[in-house]
Amino acid sequence: MPRVIRNLILAITLSCTAAAPGLVPPAFAQGAAKGASGLPLPRFASLKSRKVNIRIGPSTDYAVSWMYMKAGTPMEIIQEYENWRRVRDADGTEGWVNQALLSGTRTAVAAPWMRGKGDDVFVNMRRGPESSSAIVAKVEPGAVLTIGECNGDWCHAEVGAAEGWVNQAEIWGAYPGEAFK
């Protein structure tokens, strides 16, 4: 069977599998399923390279649907096929990327749903992991933060020269209630 036809059949099969109810776990059920790599699905990672092509299928034979131009962009890995990962970004754009272009470094986007809501809308970064802690920085919606740990409610993060804690509900890049160090 020609490679193009085989890849087309594979893409259709993977699309149908992803669309079938119950086969792709919801984002909040992290750890409920494991991919071929043995790691949980879904899970968060980030882009390793400054230029990364996102393809419509799991092979370089598939067309590029999007190109990301910033290393560190957080991605949610939602499916695996051999050395390819189906990813989703904070805006919901999905596609396939080679695993070599992904990093385990955790990053997050500050309140992407608040972009364009006004010049006075910010995510507060605090000195400690509680609402009563002093604000050390105001982070613009859409800014990418590097996350060191999350306790289920708060994440310790860095953005530029600022370091502190952000409310986990105000970022995209950590699941609700997820804790890690």
N, C-alpha and C. Protein backbone atom coordinates (compact mmCIF):
# COMPACT_ATOMS: atom_id res chain seq x y z
N MET A 1 0.85 -1.17 0.00
CA MET A 1 0.00 0.00 0.00
C MET A 1 0.90 1.23 0.00
N PRO A 2 0.66 2.17 -0.89
CA PRO A 2 1.49 3.39 -0.91
C PRO A 2 1.46 4.11 0.43
N ARG A 3 2.59 4.71 0.76
CA ARG A 3 2.76 5.38 2.07
C ARG A 3 1.71 6.48 2.29
N VAL A 4 1.39 7.23 1.27
CA VAL A 4 0.42 8.33 1.41
C VAL A 4 -0.95 7.79 1.80
N ILE A 5 -1.37 6.71 1.15
CA ILE A 5 -2.67 6.12 1.47
C ILE A 5 -2.65 5.55 2.88
N ARG A 6 -1.55 4.87 3.25
CA ARG A 6 -1.44 4.32 4.60
C ARG A 6 -1.53 5.44 5.63
N ASN A 7 -0.85 6.55 5.39
CA ASN A 7 -0.89 7.68 6.33
C ASN A 7 -2.27 8.32 6.39
N LEU A 8 -2.97 8.37 5.26
CA LEU A 8 -4.32 8.92 5.25
C LEU A 8 -5.25 8.04 6.09
N ILE A 9 -5.14 6.73 5.92
CA ILE A 9 -5.96 5.80 6.71
C ILE A 9 -5.63 5.95 8.19
N LEU A 10 -4.36 6.08 8.51
CA LEU A 10 -3.94 6.26 9.90
C LEU A 10 -4.53 7.54 10.48
N ALA A 11 -4.47 8.63 9.72
CA ALA A 11 -5.00 9.92 10.21
C ALA A 11 -6.50 9.82 10.46
N ILE A 12 -7.22 9.18 9.56
CA ILE A 12 -8.67 9.03 9.74
C ILE A 12 -8.96 8.17 10.97
N THR A 13 -8.22 7.09 11.13
CA THR A 13 -8.39 6.22 12.29
C THR A 13 -8.12 6.97 13.59
N LEU A 14 -7.02 7.73 13.62
CA LEU A 14 -6.68 8.48 14.83
C LEU A 14 -7.71 9.56 15.11
N SER A 15 -8.22 10.20 14.07
CA SER A 15 -9.25 11.23 14.26
C SER A 15 -10.52 10.62 14.81
N CYS A 16 -10.91 9.47 14.27
CA CYS A 16 -12.11 8.80 14.77
C CYS A 16 -11.93 8.34 16.21
N THR A 17 -10.75 7.84 16.52
CA THR A 17 -10.46 7.41 17.89
C THR A 17 -10.55 8.59 18.84
N ALA A 18 -9.99 9.73 18.45
CA ALA A 18 -10.00 10.91 19.32
C ALA A 18 -11.41 11.44 19.50
N ALA A 19 -12.25 11.27 18.48
CA ALA A 19 -13.60 11.82 18.56
C ALA A 19 -14.56 10.89 19.28
N ALA A 20 -14.19 9.62 19.45
CA ALA A 20 -15.08 8.67 20.10
C ALA A 20 -15.19 8.97 21.58
N PRO A 21 -16.42 9.06 22.10
CA PRO A 21 -16.60 9.38 23.51
C PRO A 21 -15.92 8.38 24.42
N GLY A 22 -15.24 8.89 25.42
CA GLY A 22 -14.63 8.05 26.44
C GLY A 22 -13.24 7.55 26.11
N LEU A 23 -12.78 7.69 24.88
CA LEU A 23 -11.46 7.18 24.53
C LEU A 23 -10.35 8.17 24.83
N VAL A 24 -10.63 9.45 24.76
CA VAL A 24 -9.65 10.45 25.14
C VAL A 24 -10.15 11.07 26.44
N PRO A 25 -9.41 10.87 27.53
CA PRO A 25 -9.90 11.34 28.82
C PRO A 25 -9.95 12.86 28.88
N PRO A 26 -10.88 13.41 29.65
CA PRO A 26 -10.94 14.85 29.81
C PRO A 26 -9.70 15.37 30.52
N ALA A 27 -9.41 16.66 30.35
CA ALA A 27 -8.19 17.25 30.89
C ALA A 27 -8.08 17.08 32.40
N PHE A 28 -9.18 17.13 33.11
CA PHE A 28 -9.10 17.06 34.56
C PHE A 28 -8.81 15.66 35.08
N ALA A 29 -8.82 14.68 34.20
CA ALA A 29 -8.59 13.30 34.63
C ALA A 29 -7.15 12.89 34.38
N GLN A 30 -6.21 13.81 34.59
CA GLN A 30 -4.82 13.49 34.33
C GLN A 30 -4.40 12.24 35.11
N GLY A 31 -3.68 11.38 34.45
CA GLY A 31 -3.20 10.17 35.08
C GLY A 31 -4.15 9.00 34.92
N ALA A 32 -5.35 9.25 34.42
CA ALA A 32 -6.34 8.19 34.26
C ALA A 32 -5.94 7.23 33.15
N ALA A 33 -5.22 7.69 32.15
CA ALA A 33 -4.80 6.85 31.04
C ALA A 33 -3.31 7.04 30.81
N LYS A 34 -2.70 6.04 30.20
CA LYS A 34 -1.28 6.14 29.88
C LYS A 34 -1.13 5.99 28.38
N GLY A 35 -0.20 6.78 27.82
CA GLY A 35 0.10 6.68 26.40
C GLY A 35 1.10 5.57 26.15
N ALA A 36 1.46 5.38 24.89
CA ALA A 36 2.43 4.35 24.51
C ALA A 36 3.77 4.57 25.20
N SER A 37 4.07 5.82 25.57
CA SER A 37 5.33 6.14 26.25
C SER A 37 5.33 5.69 27.71
N GLY A 38 4.14 5.33 28.23
CA GLY A 38 4.02 4.98 29.64
C GLY A 38 3.72 6.18 30.52
N LEU A 39 3.70 7.36 29.93
CA LEU A 39 3.39 8.58 30.66
C LEU A 39 1.89 8.86 30.60
N PRO A 40 1.37 9.61 31.58
CA PRO A 40 -0.07 9.86 31.61
C PRO A 40 -0.56 10.73 30.46
N LEU A 41 -1.78 10.48 30.05
CA LEU A 41 -2.48 11.30 29.06
C LEU A 41 -3.78 11.77 29.68
N PRO A 42 -4.13 13.00 29.55
CA PRO A 42 -3.32 14.07 28.99
C PRO A 42 -2.27 14.53 30.00
N ARG A 43 -1.29 15.34 29.53
CA ARG A 43 -0.27 15.92 30.38
C ARG A 43 0.25 17.18 29.71
N PHE A 44 0.91 18.01 30.47
CA PHE A 44 1.47 19.24 29.92
C PHE A 44 2.97 19.10 29.66
N ALA A 45 3.42 19.78 28.62
CA ALA A 45 4.83 19.88 28.26
C ALA A 45 5.01 21.27 27.66
N SER A 46 6.18 21.54 27.12
CA SER A 46 6.40 22.82 26.45
C SER A 46 7.24 22.59 25.20
N LEU A 47 7.21 23.58 24.31
CA LEU A 47 7.99 23.48 23.08
C LEU A 47 9.46 23.72 23.40
N LYS A 48 10.30 22.86 22.87
CA LYS A 48 11.74 22.94 23.12
C LYS A 48 12.43 23.94 22.18
N SER A 49 11.97 24.02 20.98
CA SER A 49 12.62 24.84 19.96
C SER A 49 11.88 26.15 19.70
N ARG A 50 12.60 27.08 19.10
CA ARG A 50 12.01 28.37 18.78
C ARG A 50 11.04 28.26 17.61
N LYS A 51 11.31 27.37 16.66
CA LYS A 51 10.41 27.15 15.52
C LYS A 51 9.94 25.70 15.54
N VAL A 52 8.64 25.51 15.67
CA VAL A 52 8.09 24.15 15.71
C VAL A 52 6.88 24.08 14.77
N ASN A 53 6.92 23.12 13.85
CA ASN A 53 5.80 22.88 12.95
C ASN A 53 4.79 21.96 13.62
N ILE A 54 3.53 22.32 13.53
CA ILE A 54 2.45 21.45 13.97
C ILE A 54 1.81 20.91 12.70
N ARG A 55 1.66 19.60 12.63
CA ARG A 55 1.17 18.95 11.42
C ARG A 55 -0.23 18.38 11.62
N ILE A 56 -0.90 18.10 10.50
CA ILE A 56 -2.26 17.57 10.57
C ILE A 56 -2.29 16.08 10.86
N GLY A 57 -1.15 15.42 10.80
CA GLY A 57 -1.05 14.00 11.11
C GLY A 57 0.32 13.67 11.66
N PRO A 58 0.50 12.44 12.17
CA PRO A 58 1.73 12.05 12.85
C PRO A 58 2.85 11.55 11.93
N SER A 59 3.32 12.44 11.06
CA SER A 59 4.42 12.11 10.15
C SER A 59 4.82 13.38 9.41
N THR A 60 6.05 13.42 8.93
CA THR A 60 6.47 14.57 8.13
C THR A 60 5.81 14.55 6.75
N ASP A 61 5.11 13.45 6.42
CA ASP A 61 4.37 13.39 5.17
C ASP A 61 3.12 14.27 5.21
N TYR A 62 2.68 14.63 6.41
CA TYR A 62 1.48 15.45 6.55
C TYR A 62 1.82 16.93 6.47
N ALA A 63 0.86 17.69 6.00
CA ALA A 63 1.03 19.13 5.84
C ALA A 63 1.20 19.82 7.20
N VAL A 64 1.93 20.93 7.17
CA VAL A 64 2.08 21.77 8.35
C VAL A 64 0.83 22.64 8.45
N SER A 65 0.18 22.61 9.61
CA SER A 65 -1.02 23.42 9.79
C SER A 65 -0.73 24.71 10.56
N TRP A 66 0.36 24.72 11.31
CA TRP A 66 0.68 25.86 12.15
C TRP A 66 2.16 25.83 12.47
N MET A 67 2.77 27.01 12.66
CA MET A 67 4.16 27.07 13.09
C MET A 67 4.23 27.95 14.33
N TYR A 68 4.80 27.40 15.39
CA TYR A 68 5.01 28.15 16.62
C TYR A 68 6.41 28.75 16.57
N MET A 69 6.52 29.97 17.06
CA MET A 69 7.78 30.71 16.94
C MET A 69 8.38 31.06 18.30
N LYS A 70 7.99 30.36 19.35
CA LYS A 70 8.52 30.69 20.67
C LYS A 70 8.76 29.43 21.49
N ALA A 71 10.01 29.20 21.84
CA ALA A 71 10.34 28.09 22.73
C ALA A 71 9.69 28.35 24.09
N GLY A 72 9.27 27.30 24.76
CA GLY A 72 8.66 27.43 26.07
C GLY A 72 7.15 27.52 26.04
N THR A 73 6.55 27.59 24.86
CA THR A 73 5.09 27.64 24.77
C THR A 73 4.51 26.37 25.36
N PRO A 74 3.56 26.48 26.32
CA PRO A 74 2.99 25.27 26.91
C PRO A 74 2.07 24.55 25.92
N MET A 75 2.10 23.24 25.98
CA MET A 75 1.25 22.39 25.15
C MET A 75 0.69 21.28 26.02
N GLU A 76 -0.53 20.90 25.73
CA GLU A 76 -1.13 19.75 26.40
C GLU A 76 -1.02 18.56 25.44
N ILE A 77 -0.37 17.51 25.88
CA ILE A 77 -0.26 16.29 25.06
C ILE A 77 -1.53 15.48 25.31
N ILE A 78 -2.27 15.21 24.24
CA ILE A 78 -3.56 14.53 24.39
C ILE A 78 -3.59 13.15 23.74
N GLN A 79 -2.57 12.84 22.92
CA GLN A 79 -2.54 11.54 22.26
C GLN A 79 -1.11 11.25 21.84
N GLU A 80 -0.77 9.97 21.70
CA GLU A 80 0.56 9.56 21.26
C GLU A 80 0.45 8.55 20.13
N TYR A 81 1.36 8.65 19.19
CA TYR A 81 1.50 7.65 18.14
C TYR A 81 2.97 7.56 17.79
N GLU A 82 3.60 6.43 18.10
CA GLU A 82 5.03 6.24 17.91
C GLU A 82 5.78 7.42 18.52
N ASN A 83 6.59 8.15 17.74
CA ASN A 83 7.33 9.27 18.32
C ASN A 83 6.66 10.61 18.05
N TRP A 84 5.37 10.59 17.79
CA TRP A 84 4.58 11.79 17.55
C TRP A 84 3.60 12.01 18.68
N ARG A 85 3.36 13.28 18.99
CA ARG A 85 2.43 13.65 20.06
C ARG A 85 1.38 14.60 19.50
N ARG A 86 0.13 14.28 19.76
CA ARG A 86 -0.95 15.20 19.41
C ARG A 86 -1.06 16.19 20.55
N VAL A 87 -0.96 17.47 20.22
CA VAL A 87 -0.92 18.51 21.24
C VAL A 87 -2.05 19.51 21.02
N ARG A 88 -2.34 20.23 22.11
CA ARG A 88 -3.34 21.31 22.07
C ARG A 88 -2.73 22.50 22.79
N ASP A 89 -2.92 23.70 22.23
CA ASP A 89 -2.40 24.90 22.88
C ASP A 89 -3.50 25.58 23.71
N ALA A 90 -3.17 26.69 24.33
CA ALA A 90 -4.10 27.38 25.22
C ALA A 90 -5.34 27.91 24.50
N ASP A 91 -5.23 28.09 23.19
CA ASP A 91 -6.37 28.58 22.39
C ASP A 91 -7.21 27.44 21.83
N GLY A 92 -6.79 26.19 22.05
CA GLY A 92 -7.54 25.03 21.56
C GLY A 92 -7.06 24.49 20.22
N THR A 93 -6.04 25.09 19.64
CA THR A 93 -5.49 24.60 18.37
C THR A 93 -4.81 23.26 18.61
N GLU A 94 -5.11 22.28 17.76
CA GLU A 94 -4.54 20.94 17.90
C GLU A 94 -3.75 20.55 16.67
N GLY A 95 -2.79 19.67 16.88
CA GLY A 95 -2.01 19.11 15.78
C GLY A 95 -0.96 18.16 16.32
N TRP A 96 -0.12 17.67 15.42
CA TRP A 96 0.89 16.67 15.76
C TRP A 96 2.28 17.27 15.70
N VAL A 97 3.11 16.91 16.67
CA VAL A 97 4.49 17.38 16.74
C VAL A 97 5.39 16.20 17.13
N ASN A 98 6.59 16.18 16.59
CA ASN A 98 7.54 15.13 16.95
C ASN A 98 7.96 15.31 18.40
N GLN A 99 8.04 14.22 19.13
CA GLN A 99 8.38 14.28 20.57
C GLN A 99 9.71 14.97 20.84
N ALA A 100 10.64 14.92 19.89
CA ALA A 100 11.96 15.54 20.08
C ALA A 100 11.86 17.06 20.20
N LEU A 101 10.75 17.64 19.78
CA LEU A 101 10.57 19.09 19.85
C LEU A 101 9.83 19.53 21.10
N LEU A 102 9.56 18.57 22.00
CA LEU A 102 8.87 18.88 23.25
C LEU A 102 9.81 18.71 24.43
N SER A 103 9.57 19.49 25.46
CA SER A 103 10.37 19.45 26.68
C SER A 103 9.46 19.15 27.86
N GLY A 104 10.00 18.51 28.87
CA GLY A 104 9.24 18.26 30.09
C GLY A 104 9.16 19.48 31.00
N THR A 105 9.84 20.55 30.63
CA THR A 105 9.79 21.78 31.42
C THR A 105 8.35 22.30 31.45
N ARG A 106 7.85 22.56 32.65
CA ARG A 106 6.47 23.02 32.78
C ARG A 106 6.41 24.53 32.63
N THR A 107 5.57 24.97 31.74
CA THR A 107 5.28 26.38 31.56
C THR A 107 3.77 26.55 31.56
N ALA A 108 3.32 27.78 31.65
CA ALA A 108 1.88 28.05 31.65
C ALA A 108 1.63 29.41 31.02
N VAL A 109 0.41 29.62 30.58
CA VAL A 109 -0.01 30.91 30.06
C VAL A 109 -0.90 31.55 31.12
N ALA A 110 -0.61 32.81 31.46
CA ALA A 110 -1.42 33.54 32.43
C ALA A 110 -2.76 33.89 31.80
N ALA A 111 -3.83 33.40 32.36
CA ALA A 111 -5.21 33.71 32.00
C ALA A 111 -5.43 34.03 30.52
N PRO A 112 -5.19 33.07 29.62
CA PRO A 112 -5.35 33.36 28.19
C PRO A 112 -6.78 33.80 27.85
N TRP A 113 -7.75 33.37 28.62
CA TRP A 113 -9.15 33.73 28.40
C TRP A 113 -9.43 35.20 28.72
N MET A 114 -8.47 35.89 29.33
CA MET A 114 -8.64 37.31 29.69
C MET A 114 -7.91 38.26 28.73
N ARG A 115 -7.24 37.72 27.72
CA ARG A 115 -6.54 38.57 26.75
C ARG A 115 -7.54 39.52 26.10
N GLY A 116 -7.15 40.78 25.99
CA GLY A 116 -7.99 41.76 25.33
C GLY A 116 -9.17 42.26 26.15
N LYS A 117 -9.21 41.94 27.42
CA LYS A 117 -10.32 42.37 28.28
C LYS A 117 -10.09 43.73 28.91
N GLY A 118 -8.97 44.35 28.64
CA GLY A 118 -8.69 45.68 29.18
C GLY A 118 -7.27 45.80 29.67
N ASP A 119 -6.82 47.05 29.76
CA ASP A 119 -5.44 47.32 30.19
C ASP A 119 -5.24 47.14 31.68
N ASP A 120 -6.32 47.04 32.43
CA ASP A 120 -6.21 46.93 33.89
C ASP A 120 -6.47 45.50 34.39
N VAL A 121 -6.41 44.51 33.48
CA VAL A 121 -6.63 43.11 33.85
C VAL A 121 -5.28 42.42 33.97
N PHE A 122 -5.01 41.84 35.15
CA PHE A 122 -3.74 41.17 35.41
C PHE A 122 -3.96 39.92 36.25
N VAL A 123 -2.96 39.06 36.25
CA VAL A 123 -2.88 37.93 37.18
C VAL A 123 -1.88 38.36 38.24
N ASN A 124 -2.29 38.33 39.48
CA ASN A 124 -1.40 38.73 40.57
C ASN A 124 -0.42 37.62 40.91
N MET A 125 0.86 37.96 40.96
CA MET A 125 1.89 37.04 41.44
C MET A 125 2.19 37.48 42.87
N ARG A 126 2.12 36.53 43.79
CA ARG A 126 2.24 36.85 45.21
C ARG A 126 3.50 36.25 45.83
N ARG A 127 3.90 36.83 46.96
CA ARG A 127 5.10 36.37 47.66
C ARG A 127 4.94 34.94 48.18
N GLY A 128 3.76 34.60 48.64
CA GLY A 128 3.49 33.26 49.16
C GLY A 128 2.24 32.67 48.53
N PRO A 129 1.97 31.38 48.80
CA PRO A 129 0.84 30.70 48.18
C PRO A 129 -0.49 30.92 48.91
N GLU A 130 -0.87 32.17 49.07
CA GLU A 130 -2.17 32.50 49.66
C GLU A 130 -2.60 33.89 49.21
N SER A 131 -3.90 34.09 49.16
CA SER A 131 -4.47 35.36 48.67
C SER A 131 -4.06 36.56 49.51
N SER A 132 -3.70 36.35 50.76
CA SER A 132 -3.33 37.46 51.64
C SER A 132 -1.86 37.87 51.48
N SER A 133 -1.07 37.11 50.74
CA SER A 133 0.35 37.44 50.54
C SER A 133 0.49 38.69 49.68
N ALA A 134 1.58 39.40 49.89
CA ALA A 134 1.85 40.62 49.14
C ALA A 134 2.01 40.32 47.65
N ILE A 135 1.53 41.22 46.81
CA ILE A 135 1.69 41.10 45.36
C ILE A 135 3.12 41.53 45.01
N VAL A 136 3.84 40.64 44.29
CA VAL A 136 5.21 40.96 43.88
C VAL A 136 5.27 41.37 42.40
N ALA A 137 4.23 41.00 41.63
CA ALA A 137 4.18 41.38 40.22
C ALA A 137 2.76 41.22 39.72
N LYS A 138 2.45 41.99 38.68
CA LYS A 138 1.17 41.86 37.98
C LYS A 138 1.52 41.34 36.59
N VAL A 139 0.97 40.17 36.25
CA VAL A 139 1.31 39.49 35.01
C VAL A 139 0.19 39.70 33.99
N GLU A 140 0.55 40.12 32.79
CA GLU A 140 -0.43 40.33 31.74
C GLU A 140 -1.01 39.02 31.26
N PRO A 141 -2.31 38.97 30.98
CA PRO A 141 -2.90 37.77 30.38
C PRO A 141 -2.19 37.42 29.08
N GLY A 142 -1.87 36.15 28.91
CA GLY A 142 -1.16 35.69 27.72
C GLY A 142 0.33 35.54 27.92
N ALA A 143 0.87 36.09 29.02
CA ALA A 143 2.30 35.95 29.29
C ALA A 143 2.61 34.49 29.63
N VAL A 144 3.79 34.02 29.20
CA VAL A 144 4.22 32.65 29.49
C VAL A 144 5.09 32.66 30.73
N LEU A 145 4.72 31.80 31.69
CA LEU A 145 5.44 31.65 32.95
C LEU A 145 6.12 30.29 32.99
N THR A 146 7.23 30.19 33.67
CA THR A 146 7.86 28.90 33.94
C THR A 146 7.40 28.47 35.32
N ILE A 147 6.91 27.24 35.42
CA ILE A 147 6.37 26.74 36.69
C ILE A 147 7.35 25.76 37.31
N GLY A 148 7.66 25.97 38.59
CA GLY A 148 8.55 25.06 39.30
C GLY A 148 7.80 24.00 40.07
N GLU A 149 6.66 24.38 40.66
CA GLU A 149 5.85 23.44 41.42
C GLU A 149 4.44 23.98 41.57
N CYS A 150 3.51 23.09 41.83
CA CYS A 150 2.13 23.45 42.14
C CYS A 150 1.69 22.62 43.34
N ASN A 151 0.87 23.21 44.21
CA ASN A 151 0.39 22.48 45.39
C ASN A 151 -1.08 22.09 45.28
N GLY A 152 -1.68 22.30 44.13
CA GLY A 152 -3.09 21.99 43.93
C GLY A 152 -3.96 23.24 43.90
N ASP A 153 -3.48 24.32 44.51
CA ASP A 153 -4.19 25.60 44.50
C ASP A 153 -3.33 26.73 43.95
N TRP A 154 -2.04 26.65 44.18
CA TRP A 154 -1.09 27.70 43.80
C TRP A 154 0.10 27.08 43.09
N CYS A 155 0.71 27.86 42.17
CA CYS A 155 1.91 27.41 41.47
C CYS A 155 3.02 28.42 41.67
N HIS A 156 4.21 27.92 41.97
CA HIS A 156 5.39 28.79 42.07
C HIS A 156 5.89 28.99 40.65
N ALA A 157 6.02 30.25 40.25
CA ALA A 157 6.34 30.55 38.85
C ALA A 157 7.34 31.68 38.73
N GLU A 158 7.94 31.77 37.55
CA GLU A 158 8.85 32.86 37.20
C GLU A 158 8.41 33.42 35.86
N VAL A 159 8.50 34.73 35.75
CA VAL A 159 8.27 35.41 34.48
C VAL A 159 9.18 36.63 34.47
N GLY A 160 10.07 36.70 33.49
CA GLY A 160 11.06 37.77 33.49
C GLY A 160 11.90 37.68 34.75
N ALA A 161 12.05 38.79 35.46
CA ALA A 161 12.81 38.83 36.70
C ALA A 161 11.94 38.56 37.92
N ALA A 162 10.64 38.41 37.74
CA ALA A 162 9.71 38.20 38.86
C ALA A 162 9.58 36.72 39.20
N GLU A 163 9.45 36.46 40.49
CA GLU A 163 9.28 35.10 40.98
C GLU A 163 8.27 35.15 42.12
N GLY A 164 7.34 34.20 42.12
CA GLY A 164 6.34 34.16 43.18
C GLY A 164 5.29 33.10 42.90
N TRP A 165 4.14 33.26 43.53
CA TRP A 165 3.06 32.28 43.45
C TRP A 165 1.86 32.86 42.72
N VAL A 166 1.28 32.07 41.81
CA VAL A 166 0.07 32.47 41.10
C VAL A 166 -1.02 31.45 41.40
N ASN A 167 -2.24 31.94 41.43
CA ASN A 167 -3.38 31.05 41.67
C ASN A 167 -3.49 30.08 40.49
N GLN A 168 -3.58 28.80 40.79
CA GLN A 168 -3.61 27.77 39.76
C GLN A 168 -4.82 27.93 38.84
N ALA A 169 -5.90 28.51 39.33
CA ALA A 169 -7.10 28.71 38.51
C ALA A 169 -6.92 29.85 37.51
N GLU A 170 -5.84 30.61 37.63
CA GLU A 170 -5.62 31.75 36.74
C GLU A 170 -4.55 31.50 35.68
N ILE A 171 -4.19 30.23 35.49
CA ILE A 171 -3.21 29.88 34.47
C ILE A 171 -3.71 28.70 33.65
N TRP A 172 -3.16 28.57 32.43
CA TRP A 172 -3.38 27.39 31.61
C TRP A 172 -2.03 26.71 31.47
N GLY A 173 -1.91 25.52 32.06
CA GLY A 173 -0.64 24.80 32.04
C GLY A 173 -0.51 23.88 33.23
N ALA A 174 -1.51 23.89 34.10
CA ALA A 174 -1.58 22.97 35.25
C ALA A 174 -3.05 22.64 35.44
N TYR A 175 -3.34 21.39 35.68
CA TYR A 175 -4.73 20.96 35.86
C TYR A 175 -5.26 21.40 37.22
N PRO A 176 -6.56 21.63 37.33
CA PRO A 176 -7.15 21.96 38.63
C PRO A 176 -6.83 20.87 39.65
N GLY A 177 -6.29 21.26 40.78
CA GLY A 177 -5.97 20.30 41.83
C GLY A 177 -4.66 19.55 41.63
N GLU A 178 -3.98 19.74 40.51
CA GLU A 178 -2.72 19.02 40.24
C GLU A 178 -1.62 19.56 41.16
N ALA A 179 -0.91 18.63 41.77
CA ALA A 179 0.24 18.99 42.62
C ALA A 179 1.48 18.28 42.10
N PHE A 180 2.59 19.02 42.03
CA PHE A 180 3.87 18.44 41.60
C PHE A 180 4.99 19.33 42.06
N LYS A 181 6.20 18.77 42.14
CA LYS A 181 7.42 19.52 42.50
C LYS A 181 8.47 19.26 41.46
